Amino acid sequence: MKFVRFGAVGSEKPGLIDSDGRVRDLSDKIGDFAGAALDPDRLARLAMIDQEPLPSVDKDVRIGAPVGDIRQLVCVGLNYSDHAAELDMPSPSEPVLFMKSPYSITGPFDDIAIPKGSVKTDWEVELAIVIGRQAENVSRAAAINHIAGFTIINDISERAWQLEGTGQWTKGKSHKGFAPLGPWLVTPDEISDVHGLKIWLDVGNDRMQDGTTKTMIFDVGHLVAFISAHMTLMPGDVIATGTPPGVGSGKKPQRFLKPDEKLRFGIESLGEQLHTMTGG
């Protein structure tokens, strides 16, 4: 099932995507896709309801991030072998973890502002895991039982802020709008092989990233198990799993985002996002 949240910023309602691709309103069935409501069993029950009586939503309605009240946004760096190679860095021996502020999350079609003074705003399209059940020291095999679904995230990064000053990466990763999420929350049963999905990104008319989740170094089960051994994962937490090659900082010469450019990206079976860059 594909679940969605729609409406104005801060007032999003829960919905689903029906068999004809229309958004249907679920607000009479569930308060929001947040916290305990993301339990896989509860989502499975929602998927069984009769869709026909559900109100249709105007096709022009704003689509928000598919998960509400996100408390932790955990990111994995250098998790694609071909991305590590383009940066001339060795593949890590264990997952490289860092955090983004959850306040950087925005909708899948919202404008994204380049920060004032930024000179190196970069892109990273990524598969995102949404946790649906509390996870502490779970095994790799059991990890799937703790996953509500998958979606798309872009780990937008200001590289100068991330790499050229002091401190951790977080300050280059957490500007408002630097984590566009969506458009859908797709339950695991909808995806035959999460490690065989095409993943791509365009800036304007130029294809920048064109990869596959096959080149992930640490797979989904490994990541959930590893992270849950180091921190408690709660329903609604999001894990960004790394990016394939083609980021702007890996280009020769380097290429970064500019105002008025269109940023389009997607993952097979999970939809696509479209943004206009503003500010700068």
C-alpha atoms as a PDB file:
ATOM      1  CA  MET A   1       0.000   0.000   0.000  1.00  0.00           C
ATOM      2  CA  LYS A   2       1.069   3.571  -0.673  1.00  0.00           C
ATOM      3  CA  PHE A   3       0.207   5.987   2.128  1.00  0.00           C
ATOM      4  CA  VAL A   4       0.410   9.768   1.837  1.00  0.00           C
ATOM      5  CA  ARG A   5      -0.139  12.961   3.820  1.00  0.00           C
ATOM      6  CA  PHE A   6      -1.777  15.940   2.150  1.00  0.00           C
ATOM      7  CA  GLY A   7      -2.742  19.531   2.950  1.00  0.00           C
ATOM      8  CA  ALA A   8      -1.154  22.757   4.113  1.00  0.00           C
ATOM      9  CA  VAL A   9       2.138  22.757   6.017  1.00  0.00           C
ATOM     10  CA  GLY A  10       1.461  21.775   9.616  1.00  0.00           C
ATOM     11  CA  SER A  11      -2.114  20.647   8.872  1.00  0.00           C
ATOM     12  CA  GLU A  12      -1.505  17.533   6.789  1.00  0.00           C
ATOM     13  CA  LYS A  13      -4.099  14.759   6.781  1.00  0.00           C
ATOM     14  CA  PRO A  14      -3.501  11.028   6.211  1.00  0.00           C
ATOM     15  CA  GLY A  15      -4.484   9.377   2.963  1.00  0.00           C
ATOM     16  CA  LEU A  16      -3.743   6.513   0.609  1.00  0.00           C
ATOM     17  CA  ILE A  17      -3.126   6.153  -3.097  1.00  0.00           C
ATOM     18  CA  ASP A  18      -5.889   4.066  -4.647  1.00  0.00           C
ATOM     19  CA  SER A  19      -5.613   1.680  -7.589  1.00  0.00           C
ATOM     20  CA  ASP A  20      -6.257   4.566 -10.009  1.00  0.00           C
ATOM     21  CA  GLY A  21      -3.520   6.722  -8.520  1.00  0.00           C
ATOM     22  CA  ARG A  22      -5.930   9.068  -6.725  1.00  0.00           C
ATOM     23  CA  VAL A  23      -5.450  10.316  -3.176  1.00  0.00           C
ATOM     24  CA  ARG A  24      -8.164   9.121  -0.777  1.00  0.00           C
ATOM     25  CA  ASP A  25      -8.779  10.726   2.604  1.00  0.00           C
ATOM     26  CA  LEU A  26      -8.125   8.463   5.612  1.00  0.00           C
ATOM     27  CA  SER A  27      -8.641  11.060   8.333  1.00  0.00           C
ATOM     28  CA  ASP A  28     -11.808   9.303   9.580  1.00  0.00           C
ATOM     29  CA  LYS A  29      -9.787   6.099  10.041  1.00  0.00           C
ATOM     30  CA  ILE A  30      -6.522   7.338  11.565  1.00  0.00           C
ATOM     31  CA  GLY A  31      -5.270  10.574  13.086  1.00  0.00           C
ATOM     32  CA  ASP A  32      -1.917  10.758  11.338  1.00  0.00           C
ATOM     33  CA  PHE A  33       0.939   8.598  10.092  1.00  0.00           C
ATOM     34  CA  ALA A  34       3.054   9.194  13.148  1.00  0.00           C
ATOM     35  CA  GLY A  35       4.259   7.281  16.200  1.00  0.00           C
ATOM     36  CA  ALA A  36       2.330   4.129  17.097  1.00  0.00           C
ATOM     37  CA  ALA A  37       0.047   4.549  14.066  1.00  0.00           C
ATOM     38  CA  LEU A  38       2.978   3.357  11.931  1.00  0.00           C
ATOM     39  CA  ASP A  39       2.970  -0.125  13.465  1.00  0.00           C
ATOM     40  CA  PRO A  40       3.125  -2.562  10.523  1.00  0.00           C
ATOM     41  CA  ASP A  41       0.076  -4.488  11.768  1.00  0.00           C
ATOM     42  CA  ARG A  42      -1.989  -1.322  11.931  1.00  0.00           C
ATOM     43  CA  LEU A  43      -0.918  -0.292   8.423  1.00  0.00           C
ATOM     44  CA  ALA A  44      -1.818  -3.767   7.173  1.00  0.00           C
ATOM     45  CA  ARG A  45      -5.338  -3.379   8.586  1.00  0.00           C
ATOM     46  CA  LEU A  46      -5.684   0.015   6.880  1.00  0.00           C
ATOM     47  CA  ALA A  47      -4.675  -1.561   3.590  1.00  0.00           C
ATOM     48  CA  MET A  48      -7.603  -3.989   3.861  1.00  0.00           C
ATOM     49  CA  ILE A  49     -10.374  -1.404   4.133  1.00  0.00           C
ATOM     50  CA  ASP A  50     -12.792  -0.745   1.285  1.00  0.00           C
ATOM     51  CA  GLN A  51     -11.338   2.223  -0.587  1.00  0.00           C
ATOM     52  CA  GLU A  52     -14.398   3.136  -2.627  1.00  0.00           C
ATOM     53  CA  PRO A  53     -16.307   4.971   0.152  1.00  0.00           C
ATOM     54  CA  LEU A  54     -13.238   7.027   1.090  1.00  0.00           C
ATOM     55  CA  PRO A  55     -13.475  10.683  -0.023  1.00  0.00           C
ATOM     56  CA  SER A  56     -11.353  11.603  -3.028  1.00  0.00           C
ATOM     57  CA  VAL A  57      -8.924  14.474  -2.605  1.00  0.00           C
ATOM     58  CA  ASP A  58      -8.465  17.301  -5.129  1.00  0.00           C
ATOM     59  CA  LYS A  59      -5.637  16.389  -7.491  1.00  0.00           C
ATOM     60  CA  ASP A  60      -4.010  19.794  -6.954  1.00  0.00           C
ATOM     61  CA  VAL A  61      -3.723  19.439  -3.180  1.00  0.00           C
ATOM     62  CA  ARG A  62      -0.264  19.898  -1.653  1.00  0.00           C
ATOM     63  CA  ILE A  63       1.470  16.624  -0.752  1.00  0.00           C
ATOM     64  CA  GLY A  64       3.464  16.695   2.473  1.00  0.00           C
ATOM     65  CA  ALA A  65       6.113  14.423   3.919  1.00  0.00           C
ATOM     66  CA  PRO A  66       4.459  10.987   4.354  1.00  0.00           C
ATOM     67  CA  VAL A  67       5.396  10.730   8.051  1.00  0.00           C
ATOM     68  CA  GLY A  68       4.543  13.206  10.796  1.00  0.00           C
ATOM     69  CA  ASP A  69       6.198  14.092  14.100  1.00  0.00           C
ATOM     70  CA  ILE A  70       9.600  12.668  13.157  1.00  0.00           C
ATOM     71  CA  ARG A  71      11.900  12.676  16.183  1.00  0.00           C
ATOM     72  CA  GLN A  72      15.107  11.193  14.747  1.00  0.00           C
ATOM     73  CA  LEU A  73      16.562  11.455  11.261  1.00  0.00           C
ATOM     74  CA  VAL A  74      19.560   9.112  11.145  1.00  0.00           C
ATOM     75  CA  CYS A  75      21.782   9.186   8.072  1.00  0.00           C
ATOM     76  CA  VAL A  76      24.334   6.760   6.666  1.00  0.00           C
ATOM     77  CA  GLY A  77      27.371   8.110   4.815  1.00  0.00           C
ATOM     78  CA  LEU A  78      29.422   6.444   2.079  1.00  0.00           C
ATOM     79  CA  ASN A  79      27.061   3.471   1.825  1.00  0.00           C
ATOM     80  CA  TYR A  80      27.380   2.946  -1.942  1.00  0.00           C
ATOM     81  CA  SER A  81      30.616   1.443  -3.220  1.00  0.00           C
ATOM     82  CA  ASP A  82      30.530   3.482  -6.440  1.00  0.00           C
ATOM     83  CA  HIS A  83      29.862   6.721  -4.508  1.00  0.00           C
ATOM     84  CA  ALA A  84      32.867   6.089  -2.236  1.00  0.00           C
ATOM     85  CA  ALA A  85      34.941   5.492  -5.358  1.00  0.00           C
ATOM     86  CA  GLU A  86      33.901   8.782  -6.986  1.00  0.00           C
ATOM     87  CA  LEU A  87      35.044  10.632  -3.851  1.00  0.00           C
ATOM     88  CA  ASP A  88      38.298   8.613  -3.839  1.00  0.00           C
ATOM     89  CA  MET A  89      37.502   7.293  -0.362  1.00  0.00           C
ATOM     90  CA  PRO A  90      37.743   3.698   0.892  1.00  0.00           C
ATOM     91  CA  SER A  91      34.553   1.778   1.563  1.00  0.00           C
ATOM     92  CA  PRO A  92      33.837   1.867   5.307  1.00  0.00           C
ATOM     93  CA  SER A  93      34.162  -1.261   7.443  1.00  0.00           C
ATOM     94  CA  GLU A  94      30.970  -0.378   9.343  1.00  0.00           C
ATOM     95  CA  PRO A  95      28.139   2.091   8.690  1.00  0.00           C
ATOM     96  CA  VAL A  96      29.109   5.758   8.999  1.00  0.00           C
ATOM     97  CA  LEU A  97      26.350   7.470  10.996  1.00  0.00           C
ATOM     98  CA  PHE A  98      25.403  11.110  11.431  1.00  0.00           C
ATOM     99  CA  MET A  99      22.213  13.028  12.232  1.00  0.00           C
ATOM    100  CA  LYS A 100      20.160  15.633  10.419  1.00  0.00           C
ATOM    101  CA  SER A 101      17.749  17.879  12.259  1.00  0.00           C
ATOM    102  CA  PRO A 102      14.153  16.647  11.814  1.00  0.00           C
ATOM    103  CA  TYR A 103      13.251  20.306  11.264  1.00  0.00           C
ATOM    104  CA  SER A 104      14.993  20.057   7.884  1.00  0.00           C
ATOM    105  CA  ILE A 105      12.165  17.839   6.584  1.00  0.00           C
ATOM    106  CA  THR A 106       9.903  19.269   3.886  1.00  0.00           C
ATOM    107  CA  GLY A 107       7.368  17.986   1.372  1.00  0.00           C
ATOM    108  CA  PRO A 108       8.240  16.230  -1.901  1.00  0.00           C
ATOM    109  CA  PHE A 109       7.190  19.124  -4.146  1.00  0.00           C
ATOM    110  CA  ASP A 110       7.909  22.158  -1.967  1.00  0.00           C
ATOM    111  CA  ASP A 111      10.409  24.831  -2.988  1.00  0.00           C
ATOM    112  CA  ILE A 112      13.813  24.472  -1.320  1.00  0.00           C
ATOM    113  CA  ALA A 113      15.780  27.549  -0.304  1.00  0.00           C
ATOM    114  CA  ILE A 114      19.527  27.685  -0.841  1.00  0.00           C
ATOM    115  CA  PRO A 115      20.871  29.154   2.414  1.00  0.00           C
ATOM    116  CA  LYS A 116      22.031  32.758   2.447  1.00  0.00           C
ATOM    117  CA  GLY A 117      25.743  32.798   1.704  1.00  0.00           C
ATOM    118  CA  SER A 118      25.835  29.204   0.472  1.00  0.00           C
ATOM    119  CA  VAL A 119      28.283  28.418  -2.316  1.00  0.00           C
ATOM    120  CA  LYS A 120      28.193  24.594  -2.253  1.00  0.00           C
ATOM    121  CA  THR A 121      24.620  23.320  -1.872  1.00  0.00           C
ATOM    122  CA  ASP A 122      24.668  19.719  -3.106  1.00  0.00           C
ATOM    123  CA  TRP A 123      22.209  16.854  -3.675  1.00  0.00           C
ATOM    124  CA  GLU A 124      22.053  13.195  -2.565  1.00  0.00           C
ATOM    125  CA  VAL A 125      18.979  11.141  -3.505  1.00  0.00           C
ATOM    126  CA  GLU A 126      18.506   8.262  -1.058  1.00  0.00           C
ATOM    127  CA  LEU A 127      16.281   5.370  -0.082  1.00  0.00           C
ATOM    128  CA  ALA A 128      14.721   6.086   3.323  1.00  0.00           C
ATOM    129  CA  ILE A 129      13.591   3.512   5.886  1.00  0.00           C
ATOM    130  CA  VAL A 130      10.672   4.457   8.140  1.00  0.00           C
ATOM    131  CA  ILE A 131      10.617   2.640  11.470  1.00  0.00           C
ATOM    132  CA  GLY A 132       7.212   1.304  12.536  1.00  0.00           C
ATOM    133  CA  ARG A 133       8.015  -0.603  15.713  1.00  0.00           C
ATOM    134  CA  GLN A 134      10.509   0.105  18.504  1.00  0.00           C
ATOM    135  CA  ALA A 135      13.899  -1.423  17.727  1.00  0.00           C
ATOM    136  CA  GLU A 136      16.662  -2.119  20.228  1.00  0.00           C
ATOM    137  CA  ASN A 137      19.420  -4.604  19.401  1.00  0.00           C
ATOM    138  CA  VAL A 138      17.334  -6.295  16.731  1.00  0.00           C
ATOM    139  CA  SER A 139      18.897  -8.909  14.498  1.00  0.00           C
ATOM    140  CA  ARG A 140      19.427  -8.400  10.781  1.00  0.00           C
ATOM    141  CA  ALA A 141      16.855 -11.104  10.062  1.00  0.00           C
ATOM    142  CA  ALA A 142      14.249  -9.509  12.342  1.00  0.00           C
ATOM    143  CA  ALA A 143      14.800  -5.965  11.086  1.00  0.00           C
ATOM    144  CA  ILE A 144      12.006  -6.128   8.493  1.00  0.00           C
ATOM    145  CA  ASN A 145       9.482  -6.655  11.302  1.00  0.00           C
ATOM    146  CA  HIS A 146      10.337  -3.180  12.618  1.00  0.00           C
ATOM    147  CA  ILE A 147       9.929  -1.340   9.303  1.00  0.00           C
ATOM    148  CA  ALA A 148       6.715   0.527   8.448  1.00  0.00           C
ATOM    149  CA  GLY A 149       7.830   1.184   4.900  1.00  0.00           C
ATOM    150  CA  PHE A 150      10.156   2.972   2.526  1.00  0.00           C
ATOM    151  CA  THR A 151      10.205   6.388   0.901  1.00  0.00           C
ATOM    152  CA  ILE A 152      12.562   8.820  -0.841  1.00  0.00           C
ATOM    153  CA  ILE A 153      14.721  11.425   0.856  1.00  0.00           C
ATOM    154  CA  ASN A 154      17.327  13.847  -0.423  1.00  0.00           C
ATOM    155  CA  ASP A 155      20.218  14.478   1.958  1.00  0.00           C
ATOM    156  CA  ILE A 156      20.804  18.013   0.700  1.00  0.00           C
ATOM    157  CA  SER A 157      24.103  19.301   2.023  1.00  0.00           C
ATOM    158  CA  GLU A 158      26.013  22.585   2.117  1.00  0.00           C
ATOM    159  CA  ARG A 159      29.487  21.155   1.559  1.00  0.00           C
ATOM    160  CA  ALA A 160      31.447  24.174   2.770  1.00  0.00           C
ATOM    161  CA  TRP A 161      29.499  24.153   6.037  1.00  0.00           C
ATOM    162  CA  GLN A 162      29.795  20.380   6.271  1.00  0.00           C
ATOM    163  CA  LEU A 163      33.474  19.905   5.517  1.00  0.00           C
ATOM    164  CA  GLU A 164      35.457  23.133   5.612  1.00  0.00           C
ATOM    165  CA  GLY A 165      34.809  24.355   9.157  1.00  0.00           C
ATOM    166  CA  THR A 166      35.097  22.698  12.523  1.00  0.00           C
ATOM    167  CA  GLY A 167      32.820  20.191  14.226  1.00  0.00           C
ATOM    168  CA  GLN A 168      30.519  17.500  12.888  1.00  0.00           C
ATOM    169  CA  TRP A 169      28.641  17.214   9.591  1.00  0.00           C
ATOM    170  CA  THR A 170      25.271  18.150  11.118  1.00  0.00           C
ATOM    171  CA  LYS A 171      25.561  21.889  10.520  1.00  0.00           C
ATOM    172  CA  GLY A 172      25.981  21.348   6.782  1.00  0.00           C
ATOM    173  CA  LYS A 173      23.021  18.984   6.637  1.00  0.00           C
ATOM    174  CA  SER A 174      20.234  20.549   8.684  1.00  0.00           C
ATOM    175  CA  HIS A 175      19.107  23.794   7.058  1.00  0.00           C
ATOM    176  CA  LYS A 176      15.342  24.174   6.674  1.00  0.00           C
ATOM    177  CA  GLY A 177      14.207  22.173   3.638  1.00  0.00           C
ATOM    178  CA  PHE A 178      17.379  20.065   3.429  1.00  0.00           C
ATOM    179  CA  ALA A 179      15.455  16.770   3.843  1.00  0.00           C
ATOM    180  CA  PRO A 180      12.609  16.570   1.312  1.00  0.00           C
ATOM    181  CA  LEU A 181      10.705  13.359   2.067  1.00  0.00           C
ATOM    182  CA  GLY A 182       8.090  11.451   0.060  1.00  0.00           C
ATOM    183  CA  PRO A 183       5.895  11.398  -1.872  1.00  0.00           C
ATOM    184  CA  TRP A 184       4.593   8.120  -0.423  1.00  0.00           C
ATOM    185  CA  LEU A 185       5.199   5.734   2.425  1.00  0.00           C
ATOM    186  CA  VAL A 186       5.342   2.392   0.591  1.00  0.00           C
ATOM    187  CA  THR A 187       4.857  -0.733   2.691  1.00  0.00           C
ATOM    188  CA  PRO A 188       7.460  -3.519   2.267  1.00  0.00           C
ATOM    189  CA  ASP A 189       5.009  -5.922   0.626  1.00  0.00           C
ATOM    190  CA  GLU A 190       4.800  -3.555  -2.374  1.00  0.00           C
ATOM    191  CA  ILE A 191       8.513  -3.949  -3.168  1.00  0.00           C
ATOM    192  CA  SER A 192       9.835  -7.239  -4.517  1.00  0.00           C
ATOM    193  CA  ASP A 193      13.512  -6.400  -3.940  1.00  0.00           C
ATOM    194  CA  VAL A 194      14.460  -3.247  -2.060  1.00  0.00           C
ATOM    195  CA  HIS A 195      18.093  -3.912  -3.005  1.00  0.00           C
ATOM    196  CA  GLY A 196      17.410  -3.846  -6.733  1.00  0.00           C
ATOM    197  CA  LEU A 197      15.752  -0.460  -7.282  1.00  0.00           C
ATOM    198  CA  LYS A 198      16.792   2.109  -9.879  1.00  0.00           C
ATOM    199  CA  ILE A 199      17.609   5.490  -8.334  1.00  0.00           C
ATOM    200  CA  TRP A 200      18.178   8.717 -10.274  1.00  0.00           C
ATOM    201  CA  LEU A 201      18.397  12.508 -10.049  1.00  0.00           C
ATOM    202  CA  ASP A 202      18.238  15.357 -12.581  1.00  0.00           C
ATOM    203  CA  VAL A 203      19.264  18.985 -12.197  1.00  0.00           C
ATOM    204  CA  GLY A 204      17.377  20.794 -14.930  1.00  0.00           C
ATOM    205  CA  ASN A 205      17.745  18.630 -18.032  1.00  0.00           C
ATOM    206  CA  ASP A 206      20.977  17.010 -16.871  1.00  0.00           C
ATOM    207  CA  ARG A 207      21.014  13.495 -15.422  1.00  0.00           C
ATOM    208  CA  MET A 208      23.387  13.656 -12.463  1.00  0.00           C
ATOM    209  CA  GLN A 209      22.741  10.435 -10.552  1.00  0.00           C
ATOM    210  CA  ASP A 210      21.834   7.161 -12.232  1.00  0.00           C
ATOM    211  CA  GLY A 211      22.376   4.194  -9.974  1.00  0.00           C
ATOM    212  CA  THR A 212      20.821   1.257  -8.223  1.00  0.00           C
ATOM    213  CA  THR A 213      20.402   0.168  -4.622  1.00  0.00           C
ATOM    214  CA  LYS A 214      22.347  -2.975  -5.583  1.00  0.00           C
ATOM    215  CA  THR A 215      25.592  -1.134  -4.852  1.00  0.00           C
ATOM    216  CA  MET A 216      24.705  -0.435  -1.213  1.00  0.00           C
ATOM    217  CA  ILE A 217      27.553  -1.659   0.994  1.00  0.00           C
ATOM    218  CA  PHE A 218      25.346  -2.319   4.026  1.00  0.00           C
ATOM    219  CA  ASP A 219      21.826  -3.523   3.238  1.00  0.00           C
ATOM    220  CA  VAL A 220      18.579  -2.487   4.917  1.00  0.00           C
ATOM    221  CA  GLY A 221      18.600  -5.284   7.491  1.00  0.00           C
ATOM    222  CA  HIS A 222      22.222  -4.628   8.400  1.00  0.00           C
ATOM    223  CA  LEU A 223      21.559  -0.904   8.874  1.00  0.00           C
ATOM    224  CA  VAL A 224      18.542  -1.343  11.147  1.00  0.00           C
ATOM    225  CA  ALA A 225      20.393  -3.947  13.220  1.00  0.00           C
ATOM    226  CA  PHE A 226      23.572  -1.861  13.493  1.00  0.00           C
ATOM    227  CA  ILE A 227      21.820   1.402  14.347  1.00  0.00           C
ATOM    228  CA  SER A 228      19.484  -0.259  16.858  1.00  0.00           C
ATOM    229  CA  ALA A 229      22.535  -1.634  18.663  1.00  0.00           C
ATOM    230  CA  HIS A 230      23.751   1.924  19.236  1.00  0.00           C
ATOM    231  CA  MET A 231      20.517   3.846  19.803  1.00  0.00           C
ATOM    232  CA  THR A 232      16.824   3.145  20.343  1.00  0.00           C
ATOM    233  CA  LEU A 233      14.765   3.490  17.191  1.00  0.00           C
ATOM    234  CA  MET A 234      11.143   4.495  17.704  1.00  0.00           C
ATOM    235  CA  PRO A 235       8.122   4.457  15.371  1.00  0.00           C
ATOM    236  CA  GLY A 236       8.392   7.369  12.974  1.00  0.00           C
ATOM    237  CA  ASP A 237      12.183   7.544  13.027  1.00  0.00           C
ATOM    238  CA  VAL A 238      13.702   7.782   9.548  1.00  0.00           C
ATOM    239  CA  ILE A 239      16.972   6.301   8.295  1.00  0.00           C
ATOM    240  CA  ALA A 240      18.533   7.754   5.131  1.00  0.00           C
ATOM    241  CA  THR A 241      20.590   4.917   3.669  1.00  0.00           C
ATOM    242  CA  GLY A 242      23.188   6.688   1.515  1.00  0.00           C
ATOM    243  CA  THR A 243      23.460   7.823  -2.088  1.00  0.00           C
ATOM    244  CA  PRO A 244      24.808   6.451  -5.391  1.00  0.00           C
ATOM    245  CA  PRO A 245      27.454   8.339  -7.397  1.00  0.00           C
ATOM    246  CA  GLY A 246      26.817  11.621  -9.180  1.00  0.00           C
ATOM    247  CA  VAL A 247      26.773  14.198  -6.386  1.00  0.00           C
ATOM    248  CA  GLY A 248      27.891  17.711  -7.270  1.00  0.00           C
ATOM    249  CA  SER A 249      30.984  17.597  -5.084  1.00  0.00           C
ATOM    250  CA  GLY A 250      32.108  14.487  -6.967  1.00  0.00           C
ATOM    251  CA  LYS A 251      31.910  16.146 -10.401  1.00  0.00           C
ATOM    252  CA  LYS A 252      35.000  17.457 -12.195  1.00  0.00           C
ATOM    253  CA  PRO A 253      34.645  20.402 -12.091  1.00  0.00           C
ATOM    254  CA  GLN A 254      32.360  20.441  -9.078  1.00  0.00           C
ATOM    255  CA  ARG A 255      28.728  21.434  -9.697  1.00  0.00           C
ATOM    256  CA  PHE A 256      26.366  22.902  -7.093  1.00  0.00           C
ATOM    257  CA  LEU A 257      22.738  24.010  -7.028  1.00  0.00           C
ATOM    258  CA  LYS A 258      21.687  27.501  -8.104  1.00  0.00           C
ATOM    259  CA  PRO A 259      18.505  29.558  -7.636  1.00  0.00           C
ATOM    260  CA  ASP A 260      15.657  28.766 -10.071  1.00  0.00           C
ATOM    261  CA  GLU A 261      17.053  25.346 -10.985  1.00  0.00           C
ATOM    262  CA  LYS A 262      14.678  22.376 -10.995  1.00  0.00           C
ATOM    263  CA  LEU A 263      15.670  19.361  -8.918  1.00  0.00           C
ATOM    264  CA  ARG A 264      13.898  16.134  -9.908  1.00  0.00           C
ATOM    265  CA  PHE A 265      14.678  12.685  -8.538  1.00  0.00           C
ATOM    266  CA  GLY A 266      13.078   9.332  -7.889  1.00  0.00           C
ATOM    267  CA  ILE A 267      13.402   5.696  -6.951  1.00  0.00           C
ATOM    268  CA  GLU A 268      11.731   2.819  -8.755  1.00  0.00           C
ATOM    269  CA  SER A 269       8.448   1.800  -7.036  1.00  0.00           C
ATOM    270  CA  LEU A 270       8.652   4.767  -4.630  1.00  0.00           C
ATOM    271  CA  GLY A 271       7.696   7.657  -6.924  1.00  0.00           C
ATOM    272  CA  GLU A 272       9.519  10.904  -7.591  1.00  0.00           C
ATOM    273  CA  GLN A 273       9.981  14.406  -6.245  1.00  0.00           C
ATOM    274  CA  LEU A 274      10.245  17.799  -7.966  1.00  0.00           C
ATOM    275  CA  HIS A 275      11.557  21.016  -6.408  1.00  0.00           C
ATOM    276  CA  THR A 276      12.468  24.534  -7.447  1.00  0.00           C
ATOM    277  CA  MET A 277      15.557  25.953  -5.776  1.00  0.00           C
ATOM    278  CA  THR A 278      15.143  29.467  -4.412  1.00  0.00           C
ATOM    279  CA  GLY A 279      17.175  32.006  -2.438  1.00  0.00           C
ATOM    280  CA  GLY A 280      20.927  31.877  -2.394  1.00  0.00           C
END
